[in-house]
C-alpha atoms as a PDB file:
ATOM      1  CA  MET A   1      -0.067   8.440 -11.363  1.00  0.00           C
ATOM      2  CA  SER A   2      -2.874   8.258  -9.839  1.00  0.00           C
ATOM      3  CA  THR A   3      -3.605   7.572  -6.235  1.00  0.00           C
ATOM      4  CA  ARG A   4      -4.196   3.692  -6.277  1.00  0.00           C
ATOM      5  CA  HIS A   5      -1.196   3.168  -8.389  1.00  0.00           C
ATOM      6  CA  ARG A   6       0.779   5.119  -6.632  1.00  0.00           C
ATOM      7  CA  LEU A   7      -0.114   2.634  -3.203  1.00  0.00           C
ATOM      8  CA  ILE A   8       0.671   0.097  -5.456  1.00  0.00           C
ATOM      9  CA  ASP A   9       4.177   0.736  -6.533  1.00  0.00           C
ATOM     10  CA  ASN A  10       4.975   1.844  -3.276  1.00  0.00           C
ATOM     11  CA  THR A  11       4.075  -1.432  -1.365  1.00  0.00           C
ATOM     12  CA  ILE A  12       5.583  -3.501  -4.632  1.00  0.00           C
ATOM     13  CA  ALA A  13       9.243  -1.604  -3.714  1.00  0.00           C
ATOM     14  CA  LEU A  14       8.505  -2.911  -0.057  1.00  0.00           C
ATOM     15  CA  ILE A  15       7.042  -6.216   0.112  1.00  0.00           C
ATOM     16  CA  ARG A  16      10.064  -7.224  -1.899  1.00  0.00           C
ATOM     17  CA  ARG A  17      11.701  -6.855   1.760  1.00  0.00           C
ATOM     18  CA  GLY A  18       9.081  -8.983   2.858  1.00  0.00           C
ATOM     19  CA  VAL A  19       5.071  -8.474   3.288  1.00  0.00           C
ATOM     20  CA  GLY A  20       5.928  -8.377   7.702  1.00  0.00           C
ATOM     21  CA  SER A  21       8.576  -6.344   6.921  1.00  0.00           C
ATOM     22  CA  ALA A  22       5.734  -3.512   4.857  1.00  0.00           C
ATOM     23  CA  SER A  23       3.911  -2.232   7.405  1.00  0.00           C
ATOM     24  CA  VAL A  24       0.884   0.433   6.808  1.00  0.00           C
ATOM     25  CA  SER A  25       2.515   3.415   8.466  1.00  0.00           C
ATOM     26  CA  GLU A  26       6.183   3.084   5.983  1.00  0.00           C
ATOM     27  CA  ILE A  27       3.320   2.006   2.588  1.00  0.00           C
ATOM     28  CA  LEU A  28       1.456   5.205   3.842  1.00  0.00           C
ATOM     29  CA  GLU A  29       4.418   7.400   4.165  1.00  0.00           C
ATOM     30  CA  LEU A  30       6.308   6.162   0.888  1.00  0.00           C
ATOM     31  CA  SER A  31       2.958   6.886  -0.976  1.00  0.00           C
ATOM     32  CA  GLY A  32       2.323  10.197   0.611  1.00  0.00           C
ATOM     33  CA  VAL A  33      -1.166   9.629   1.456  1.00  0.00           C
ATOM     34  CA  ALA A  34      -3.356   9.308   4.583  1.00  0.00           C
ATOM     35  CA  ARG A  35      -4.822   6.406   5.976  1.00  0.00           C
ATOM     36  CA  ARG A  36      -8.714   7.714   4.891  1.00  0.00           C
ATOM     37  CA  THR A  37      -7.270   7.200   1.670  1.00  0.00           C
ATOM     38  CA  LEU A  38      -6.120   3.650   1.956  1.00  0.00           C
ATOM     39  CA  CYS A  39      -9.395   2.696   2.902  1.00  0.00           C
ATOM     40  CA  LEU A  40     -11.023   3.993   0.326  1.00  0.00           C
ATOM     41  CA  ASN A  41      -9.007   2.220  -2.353  1.00  0.00           C
ATOM     42  CA  PHE A  42      -9.110  -0.905  -0.697  1.00  0.00           C
ATOM     43  CA  PRO A  43     -11.556  -1.725   2.180  1.00  0.00           C
ATOM     44  CA  ASP A  44     -10.508  -4.843   3.217  1.00  0.00           C
ATOM     45  CA  GLY A  45      -7.023  -2.707   4.123  1.00  0.00           C
ATOM     46  CA  LYS A  46      -3.156  -4.905   3.498  1.00  0.00           C
ATOM     47  CA  PRO A  47      -3.868  -7.895   2.960  1.00  0.00           C
ATOM     48  CA  ALA A  48      -6.410  -6.289  -0.291  1.00  0.00           C
ATOM     49  CA  LEU A  49      -3.624  -3.749  -1.706  1.00  0.00           C
ATOM     50  CA  VAL A  50      -1.392  -6.523  -1.523  1.00  0.00           C
ATOM     51  CA  ALA A  51      -3.793  -9.238  -3.619  1.00  0.00           C
ATOM     52  CA  VAL A  52      -3.467  -6.125  -5.646  1.00  0.00           C
ATOM     53  CA  CYS A  53       0.272  -6.418  -5.904  1.00  0.00           C
ATOM     54  CA  ARG A  54       1.078 -10.179  -6.407  1.00  0.00           C
END
């Protein structure tokens, strides 16, 4: 599974409890990636990641 897909899958799992309760730190920890990786895959950060998950 690609890093991008891992970020998306883990974000979906976390936002089931609510978008506001899914912090970027939690997403990164669960996905096992660095903050830079999130920025490279989703330059607009959490809003862009969440938009893909909806």
